[in-house]
Amino acid sequence: MKDIVRCGVIGAGWWGTTAHIPALLRHPKAGLVAVHHRDEATAHKIADHFEVPQGFSSVDQLLETDGLDAVVVSSAPYVHYEQARAALARGLHVLIEKPMTMTAAQAQELVEMADAQDLQFLVSGPWHFTEHAAEAQHLIQSGELGDIKMISVLMTNYCLNFYRGLSWDEIYRDTDAFENASPPYLKPEPATTSIPEIAGGGQIYCQVSHVGAHLALLTGQGPAEVFARFDNHDTPIDVYDTLNVKLDRGTLVSIASTGATMDSERNFEVRVYGTDGMLFMELWKGNMQLHRRDGKVRDYPDLPADDIYPLHAPVINLVDAVTGDAPNKSPARLGWQAMKLIEASCESVRSGKNVMIG
């Protein structure tokens, strides 16, 4: 196993400079040796600012860096597949941002490439790394809740103005939003969340990608059939999504998700109904409760604020998995299951029919 994992970041934009680069710089066994941004001047500026040896505007140049062990793919969704494929083809370990790809077939191909080479391949999902996620996964998959019959999910976030293609400054100008307290090093480019050919879609790609991967993590199941409906509101992409899903071992799932929640409240409520108990989680608030059939209720300690959405955890786990210090806690297979859900939902909306997943 390696003592130091030499890493590169592809697509060092808003989230790359907010989450992934700082995490790599703080990890004692990570060496951040190269960053990529499609604009050459910006690539050199990022490298200088974060004291990274090399900045590239070419992905191929970054991948040719001597001694490179792993990369983080943090670019716009429409190039995730080709960039991750190029990295895996060179035998590199990969952390890929969500949404993992544009299609389920692309996600499957990448997973199979990594498996064939015994590479660490992770999909970024900070909620996968909380204490609540680990305990919920144990309760569900150990059978402590009995047979899992039904899951209800409400997932909302403040995304509407990004879907409208507004800039960061247009959205947060003259507001008391917490985002203004510490403006990002690089602001997100509006096209990455508002143009279908670049983003894939709206809420279904941007946020339901979280839900799909988290359901796969908790249950060990993937989607078998989906009936979905979208409402685009005043944008070219979906803003309000409802999904009725059947998982591959029969669990029924209802998902309601919108990027147009009120500024005062956002939700990620998950209720898992088994024959012997019900598990309730509020991921945005760090709450979890277990309700047993006999009426007893167990309240789990609320997560500390910094642990509710541990944005550095995916990169930390990438490095630890490569060094052998920890297992891969967010395998890219979860992203593949999410892509199956996303793709089937979009097809259901186009066709107006229930979609079976082969």
Protein backbone atom coordinates (compact mmCIF):
# COMPACT_ATOMS: atom_id res chain seq x y z
CA MET A 1 0.00 0.00 0.00
CA LYS A 2 1.13 3.55 -0.70
CA ASP A 3 2.35 5.91 2.00
CA ILE A 4 1.47 8.99 -0.07
CA VAL A 5 -1.29 9.07 -2.70
CA ARG A 6 -0.42 11.47 -5.51
CA CYS A 7 -3.68 13.08 -6.63
CA GLY A 8 -5.03 15.38 -9.29
CA VAL A 9 -8.32 17.28 -9.47
CA ILE A 10 -10.09 17.44 -12.85
CA GLY A 11 -12.60 20.26 -13.15
CA ALA A 12 -11.37 22.40 -10.27
CA GLY A 13 -14.32 24.77 -10.28
CA TRP A 14 -16.71 25.80 -7.52
CA TRP A 15 -17.04 22.47 -5.73
CA GLY A 16 -13.53 21.32 -6.54
CA THR A 17 -12.03 24.40 -4.87
CA THR A 18 -14.60 24.43 -2.05
CA ALA A 19 -14.49 20.77 -0.99
CA HIS A 20 -12.00 18.55 -2.78
CA ILE A 21 -8.81 20.61 -2.97
CA PRO A 22 -8.97 21.71 0.70
CA ALA A 23 -9.57 18.10 1.77
CA LEU A 24 -6.59 16.83 -0.20
CA LEU A 25 -4.33 19.57 1.17
CA ARG A 26 -5.25 18.63 4.74
CA HIS A 27 -4.86 14.87 4.39
CA PRO A 28 -1.46 13.74 5.71
CA LYS A 29 -1.22 10.92 3.16
CA ALA A 30 -2.37 12.90 0.11
CA GLY A 31 -0.11 14.75 -2.28
CA LEU A 32 -2.01 17.15 -4.52
CA VAL A 33 0.26 17.38 -7.54
CA ALA A 34 -1.95 18.77 -10.32
CA VAL A 35 -5.21 20.62 -10.94
CA HIS A 36 -7.22 21.08 -14.11
CA HIS A 37 -9.53 23.85 -15.25
CA ARG A 38 -10.63 24.24 -18.87
CA ASP A 39 -9.42 27.86 -18.85
CA GLU A 40 -5.61 27.87 -18.81
CA ALA A 41 -5.22 31.14 -16.91
CA THR A 42 -7.66 29.94 -14.26
CA ALA A 43 -5.85 26.61 -13.98
CA HIS A 44 -2.56 28.40 -13.27
CA LYS A 45 -4.27 30.79 -10.84
CA ILE A 46 -5.74 27.86 -8.86
CA ALA A 47 -2.39 26.07 -8.79
CA ASP A 48 -0.62 29.21 -7.55
CA HIS A 49 -3.26 30.02 -4.94
CA PHE A 50 -3.33 26.51 -3.44
CA GLU A 51 0.40 25.93 -3.96
CA VAL A 52 -0.11 22.96 -6.28
CA PRO A 53 2.90 22.09 -8.48
CA GLN A 54 1.05 22.03 -11.81
CA GLY A 55 -2.08 23.52 -13.36
CA PHE A 56 -3.41 22.29 -16.70
CA SER A 57 -6.19 23.20 -19.11
CA SER A 58 -5.88 19.75 -20.72
CA VAL A 59 -7.17 16.63 -18.97
CA ASP A 60 -4.75 14.47 -20.96
CA GLN A 61 -1.81 16.51 -19.70
CA LEU A 62 -2.93 16.10 -16.11
CA LEU A 63 -3.37 12.36 -16.56
CA GLU A 64 0.19 12.10 -17.88
CA THR A 65 1.64 13.57 -14.66
CA ASP A 66 4.47 11.37 -13.43
CA GLY A 67 3.57 9.10 -10.53
CA LEU A 68 -0.11 10.06 -10.45
CA ASP A 69 -2.17 7.59 -8.38
CA ALA A 70 -5.69 9.00 -8.20
CA VAL A 71 -7.94 11.73 -9.54
CA VAL A 72 -11.08 13.52 -8.48
CA VAL A 73 -13.50 14.20 -11.35
CA SER A 74 -15.33 17.36 -10.31
CA SER A 75 -16.24 18.84 -13.68
CA ALA A 76 -19.61 19.45 -15.36
CA PRO A 77 -21.79 16.33 -15.59
CA TYR A 78 -21.63 15.95 -19.37
CA VAL A 79 -17.86 15.26 -19.31
CA HIS A 80 -17.76 13.00 -16.22
CA TYR A 81 -17.87 9.82 -18.28
CA GLU A 82 -15.10 10.59 -20.75
CA GLN A 83 -12.80 12.02 -18.05
CA ALA A 84 -13.33 9.15 -15.60
CA ARG A 85 -12.94 6.61 -18.40
CA ALA A 86 -9.62 8.14 -19.43
CA ALA A 87 -8.39 8.02 -15.82
CA LEU A 88 -9.49 4.42 -15.26
CA ALA A 89 -7.91 3.39 -18.56
CA ARG A 90 -4.58 4.64 -17.15
CA GLY A 91 -5.03 2.54 -14.02
CA LEU A 92 -5.85 5.46 -11.72
CA HIS A 93 -8.14 5.37 -8.70
CA VAL A 94 -11.11 7.74 -9.12
CA LEU A 95 -13.59 9.75 -7.08
CA ILE A 96 -16.37 10.98 -9.36
CA GLU A 97 -18.87 13.70 -8.53
CA LYS A 98 -22.61 13.23 -8.81
CA PRO A 99 -24.48 12.91 -11.08
CA MET A 100 -22.06 10.16 -11.99
CA THR A 101 -22.68 10.15 -15.75
CA MET A 102 -25.37 11.07 -18.26
CA THR A 103 -26.60 7.48 -18.77
CA ALA A 104 -26.79 4.25 -16.81
CA ALA A 105 -24.81 2.40 -19.50
CA GLN A 106 -21.92 4.83 -19.06
CA ALA A 107 -21.96 4.33 -15.30
CA GLN A 108 -22.01 0.54 -15.70
CA GLU A 109 -19.05 0.64 -18.08
CA LEU A 110 -16.99 2.69 -15.64
CA VAL A 111 -17.81 0.42 -12.70
CA GLU A 112 -16.84 -2.65 -14.70
CA MET A 113 -13.57 -1.01 -15.82
CA ALA A 114 -12.62 -0.27 -12.22
CA ASP A 115 -13.61 -3.75 -11.02
CA ALA A 116 -11.55 -5.41 -13.75
CA GLN A 117 -8.43 -3.55 -12.56
CA ASP A 118 -9.16 -3.73 -8.82
CA LEU A 119 -9.18 0.07 -8.62
CA GLN A 120 -10.80 2.16 -5.92
CA PHE A 121 -13.75 3.92 -7.57
CA LEU A 122 -16.00 6.15 -5.47
CA VAL A 123 -19.00 8.35 -6.13
CA SER A 124 -19.13 11.56 -4.13
CA GLY A 125 -21.95 11.55 -1.58
CA PRO A 126 -21.11 13.26 1.73
CA TRP A 127 -24.22 11.87 3.45
CA HIS A 128 -22.82 8.35 2.95
CA PHE A 129 -20.16 9.04 5.57
CA THR A 130 -22.22 10.04 8.60
CA GLU A 131 -22.62 7.94 11.74
CA HIS A 132 -26.36 7.89 11.08
CA ALA A 133 -25.86 6.46 7.59
CA ALA A 134 -23.67 3.64 8.92
CA GLU A 135 -26.16 2.78 11.69
CA ALA A 136 -29.16 2.98 9.35
CA GLN A 137 -27.44 0.70 6.84
CA HIS A 138 -26.77 -1.81 9.63
CA LEU A 139 -30.34 -1.70 10.96
CA ILE A 140 -31.86 -2.14 7.51
CA GLN A 141 -29.54 -4.77 6.09
CA SER A 142 -29.18 -6.82 9.30
CA GLY A 143 -32.94 -7.43 9.39
CA GLU A 144 -33.52 -5.55 12.64
CA LEU A 145 -36.41 -3.66 11.03
CA GLY A 146 -37.80 -6.89 9.59
CA ASP A 147 -38.71 -7.02 5.91
CA ILE A 148 -38.37 -3.57 4.36
CA LYS A 149 -41.73 -2.91 2.74
CA MET A 150 -41.86 0.81 2.03
CA ILE A 151 -39.66 3.91 2.00
CA SER A 152 -40.83 7.51 1.80
CA VAL A 153 -38.41 10.30 0.84
CA LEU A 154 -38.87 14.08 0.75
CA MET A 155 -35.78 15.85 -0.59
CA THR A 156 -35.69 19.61 -1.18
CA ASN A 157 -32.96 22.19 -1.70
CA TYR A 158 -32.43 25.79 -2.78
CA CYS A 159 -31.72 25.21 -6.48
CA LEU A 160 -34.43 27.03 -8.44
CA ASN A 161 -32.43 30.12 -9.37
CA PHE A 162 -29.50 27.95 -10.46
CA TYR A 163 -31.92 26.05 -12.72
CA ARG A 164 -33.02 29.41 -14.11
CA GLY A 165 -29.41 30.06 -15.13
CA LEU A 166 -28.81 32.96 -12.75
CA SER A 167 -25.29 33.69 -11.55
CA TRP A 168 -24.14 33.40 -7.95
CA ASP A 169 -24.13 37.18 -7.58
CA GLU A 170 -27.63 37.50 -9.05
CA ILE A 171 -28.95 34.87 -6.62
CA TYR A 172 -27.27 36.04 -3.42
CA ARG A 173 -26.86 39.79 -4.03
CA ASP A 174 -28.36 41.92 -1.25
CA THR A 175 -29.44 38.89 0.79
CA ASP A 176 -28.53 37.63 4.25
CA ALA A 177 -27.93 34.11 2.92
CA PHE A 178 -25.13 32.23 4.67
CA GLU A 179 -23.41 31.88 1.28
CA ASN A 180 -22.57 35.59 1.42
CA ALA A 181 -20.70 35.19 4.69
CA SER A 182 -17.88 33.37 2.92
CA PRO A 183 -18.04 33.72 -0.88
CA PRO A 184 -16.52 30.77 -2.74
CA TYR A 185 -13.06 30.91 -4.28
CA LEU A 186 -14.65 30.19 -7.66
CA LYS A 187 -18.36 30.75 -8.27
CA PRO A 188 -20.38 28.05 -10.07
CA GLU A 189 -20.95 28.50 -13.77
CA PRO A 190 -24.73 28.80 -14.45
CA ALA A 191 -24.61 26.45 -17.46
CA THR A 192 -23.62 23.48 -15.30
CA THR A 193 -27.06 23.44 -13.65
CA SER A 194 -29.34 25.05 -16.24
CA ILE A 195 -28.54 23.69 -19.71
CA PRO A 196 -29.83 20.12 -20.24
CA GLU A 197 -26.99 19.10 -22.55
CA ILE A 198 -24.46 20.04 -19.86
CA ALA A 199 -26.33 19.29 -16.62
CA GLY A 200 -28.29 16.25 -17.83
CA GLY A 201 -31.44 17.62 -16.27
CA GLY A 202 -32.58 19.65 -13.31
CA GLN A 203 -33.64 18.24 -9.95
CA ILE A 204 -33.50 14.64 -11.18
CA TYR A 205 -29.79 14.85 -12.05
CA CYS A 206 -28.66 17.47 -9.55
CA GLN A 207 -30.43 16.30 -6.38
CA VAL A 208 -32.27 13.00 -6.91
CA SER A 209 -28.83 11.63 -7.75
CA HIS A 210 -28.18 11.97 -4.00
CA VAL A 211 -31.40 10.15 -3.17
CA GLY A 212 -30.84 7.27 -5.57
CA ALA A 213 -27.32 6.59 -4.31
CA HIS A 214 -28.37 6.91 -0.67
CA LEU A 215 -31.21 4.44 -1.11
CA ALA A 216 -28.79 1.96 -2.67
CA LEU A 217 -26.38 2.48 0.23
CA LEU A 218 -29.03 1.94 2.90
CA THR A 219 -30.92 -0.97 1.37
CA GLY A 220 -28.42 -2.76 -0.86
CA GLN A 221 -31.14 -2.67 -3.52
CA GLY A 222 -31.45 -1.02 -6.93
CA PRO A 223 -34.53 0.19 -8.82
CA ALA A 224 -36.57 -2.38 -10.77
CA GLU A 225 -39.37 -0.15 -12.08
CA VAL A 226 -40.21 3.56 -12.03
CA PHE A 227 -43.20 5.79 -12.74
CA ALA A 228 -42.31 9.49 -12.67
CA ARG A 229 -43.74 12.93 -13.31
CA PHE A 230 -41.85 16.25 -13.60
CA ASP A 231 -42.88 19.91 -13.56
CA ASN A 232 -40.37 22.35 -15.07
CA HIS A 233 -41.94 25.48 -13.51
CA ASP A 234 -40.43 28.37 -15.54
CA THR A 235 -37.19 26.66 -16.56
CA PRO A 236 -36.09 24.33 -19.39
CA ILE A 237 -35.37 21.56 -16.86
CA ASP A 238 -37.29 19.73 -14.16
CA VAL A 239 -37.88 21.51 -10.84
CA TYR A 240 -40.62 19.43 -9.18
CA ASP A 241 -40.23 15.64 -9.36
CA THR A 242 -42.36 12.79 -8.05
CA LEU A 243 -41.27 9.16 -8.43
CA ASN A 244 -42.99 5.90 -7.57
CA VAL A 245 -40.37 3.17 -7.48
CA LYS A 246 -40.18 -0.56 -6.86
CA LEU A 247 -36.78 -1.86 -5.79
CA ASP A 248 -35.38 -5.15 -6.98
CA ARG A 249 -36.38 -7.04 -3.81
CA GLY A 250 -39.88 -5.61 -3.78
CA THR A 251 -39.57 -2.55 -1.52
CA LEU A 252 -41.93 0.25 -2.56
CA VAL A 253 -40.48 3.76 -2.59
CA SER A 254 -42.07 7.18 -3.02
CA ILE A 255 -39.78 10.15 -3.74
CA ALA A 256 -40.87 13.78 -3.80
CA SER A 257 -38.16 16.29 -4.61
CA THR A 258 -37.96 19.94 -5.57
CA GLY A 259 -35.31 22.60 -5.99
CA ALA A 260 -37.89 25.31 -5.31
CA THR A 261 -38.21 24.99 -1.56
CA MET A 262 -38.75 28.09 0.56
CA ASP A 263 -35.65 29.88 1.83
CA SER A 264 -36.72 29.08 5.38
CA GLU A 265 -36.70 25.28 5.09
CA ARG A 266 -35.10 22.41 3.20
CA ASN A 267 -35.65 18.73 3.82
CA PHE A 268 -34.13 15.32 3.33
CA GLU A 269 -36.61 13.17 5.22
CA VAL A 270 -36.33 9.40 4.87
CA ARG A 271 -38.83 7.03 6.48
CA VAL A 272 -38.06 3.32 6.19
CA TYR A 273 -40.98 1.04 7.07
CA GLY A 274 -40.15 -2.56 7.95
CA THR A 275 -42.39 -5.25 9.40
CA ASP A 276 -40.72 -4.82 12.83
CA GLY A 277 -39.97 -1.11 12.95
CA MET A 278 -39.75 2.27 11.28
CA LEU A 279 -36.58 4.31 10.91
CA PHE A 280 -36.84 8.09 10.49
CA MET A 281 -33.94 10.23 9.32
CA GLU A 282 -33.72 13.96 8.61
CA LEU A 283 -30.41 14.24 6.84
CA TRP A 284 -30.32 18.04 6.54
CA LYS A 285 -30.85 18.34 10.30
CA GLY A 286 -28.84 15.34 11.47
CA ASN A 287 -31.75 13.66 13.28
CA MET A 288 -32.58 9.95 13.50
CA GLN A 289 -35.19 7.90 15.37
CA LEU A 290 -36.03 4.20 15.51
CA HIS A 291 -39.69 3.32 16.21
CA ARG A 292 -40.17 -0.32 17.13
CA ARG A 293 -43.29 -2.45 16.73
CA ASP A 294 -43.73 -2.59 20.54
CA GLY A 295 -44.00 1.21 20.71
CA LYS A 296 -40.52 1.87 22.04
CA VAL A 297 -38.66 4.77 20.44
CA ARG A 298 -34.91 5.23 20.29
CA ASP A 299 -33.63 8.75 19.72
CA TYR A 300 -30.11 8.79 18.30
CA PRO A 301 -27.88 11.72 19.27
CA ASP A 302 -28.17 14.56 16.76
CA LEU A 303 -25.10 14.89 14.58
CA PRO A 304 -22.79 17.85 15.25
CA ALA A 305 -23.29 20.62 12.70
CA ASP A 306 -20.01 19.88 10.90
CA ASP A 307 -20.92 16.20 10.55
CA ILE A 308 -24.35 16.67 8.95
CA TYR A 309 -22.91 17.17 5.46
CA PRO A 310 -19.21 16.22 5.71
CA LEU A 311 -18.07 17.69 2.41
CA HIS A 312 -14.44 16.60 2.85
CA ALA A 313 -15.31 12.96 3.61
CA PRO A 314 -15.42 11.63 0.02
CA VAL A 315 -11.84 12.74 -0.72
CA ILE A 316 -10.62 11.55 2.68
CA ASN A 317 -12.13 8.13 1.97
CA LEU A 318 -10.58 8.01 -1.51
CA VAL A 319 -7.11 8.45 -0.06
CA ASP A 320 -7.75 6.09 2.86
CA ALA A 321 -9.12 3.40 0.55
CA VAL A 322 -6.07 3.64 -1.70
CA THR A 323 -3.67 3.40 1.26
CA GLY A 324 -5.65 0.54 2.79
CA ASP A 325 -6.50 2.52 5.93
CA ALA A 326 -10.26 2.27 5.34
CA PRO A 327 -12.77 0.45 3.14
CA ASN A 328 -14.45 2.19 0.23
CA LYS A 329 -17.57 3.57 1.94
CA SER A 330 -19.16 5.08 -1.18
CA PRO A 331 -18.51 2.70 -4.09
CA ALA A 332 -19.35 4.04 -7.54
CA ARG A 333 -21.80 1.16 -7.88
CA LEU A 334 -24.14 3.36 -5.80
CA GLY A 335 -23.89 6.05 -8.48
CA TRP A 336 -24.71 3.44 -11.12
CA GLN A 337 -27.90 2.51 -9.24
CA ALA A 338 -28.77 6.21 -9.03
CA MET A 339 -28.26 6.56 -12.79
CA LYS A 340 -30.64 3.66 -13.40
CA LEU A 341 -33.25 5.52 -11.35
CA ILE A 342 -32.58 8.83 -13.11
CA GLU A 343 -32.64 7.38 -16.62
CA ALA A 344 -35.82 5.38 -16.01
CA SER A 345 -37.52 8.43 -14.47
CA CYS A 346 -36.72 10.56 -17.52
CA GLU A 347 -37.99 7.82 -19.84
CA SER A 348 -41.19 7.49 -17.80
CA VAL A 349 -41.81 11.24 -18.11
CA ARG A 350 -41.19 11.11 -21.89
CA SER A 351 -43.40 8.07 -22.46
CA GLY A 352 -46.03 8.63 -19.79
CA LYS A 353 -45.60 4.98 -18.81
CA ASN A 354 -44.18 2.83 -16.06
CA VAL A 355 -40.61 1.85 -16.98
CA MET A 356 -39.15 -1.56 -16.19
CA ILE A 357 -35.39 -1.69 -15.59
CA GLY A 358 -33.60 -4.71 -17.04
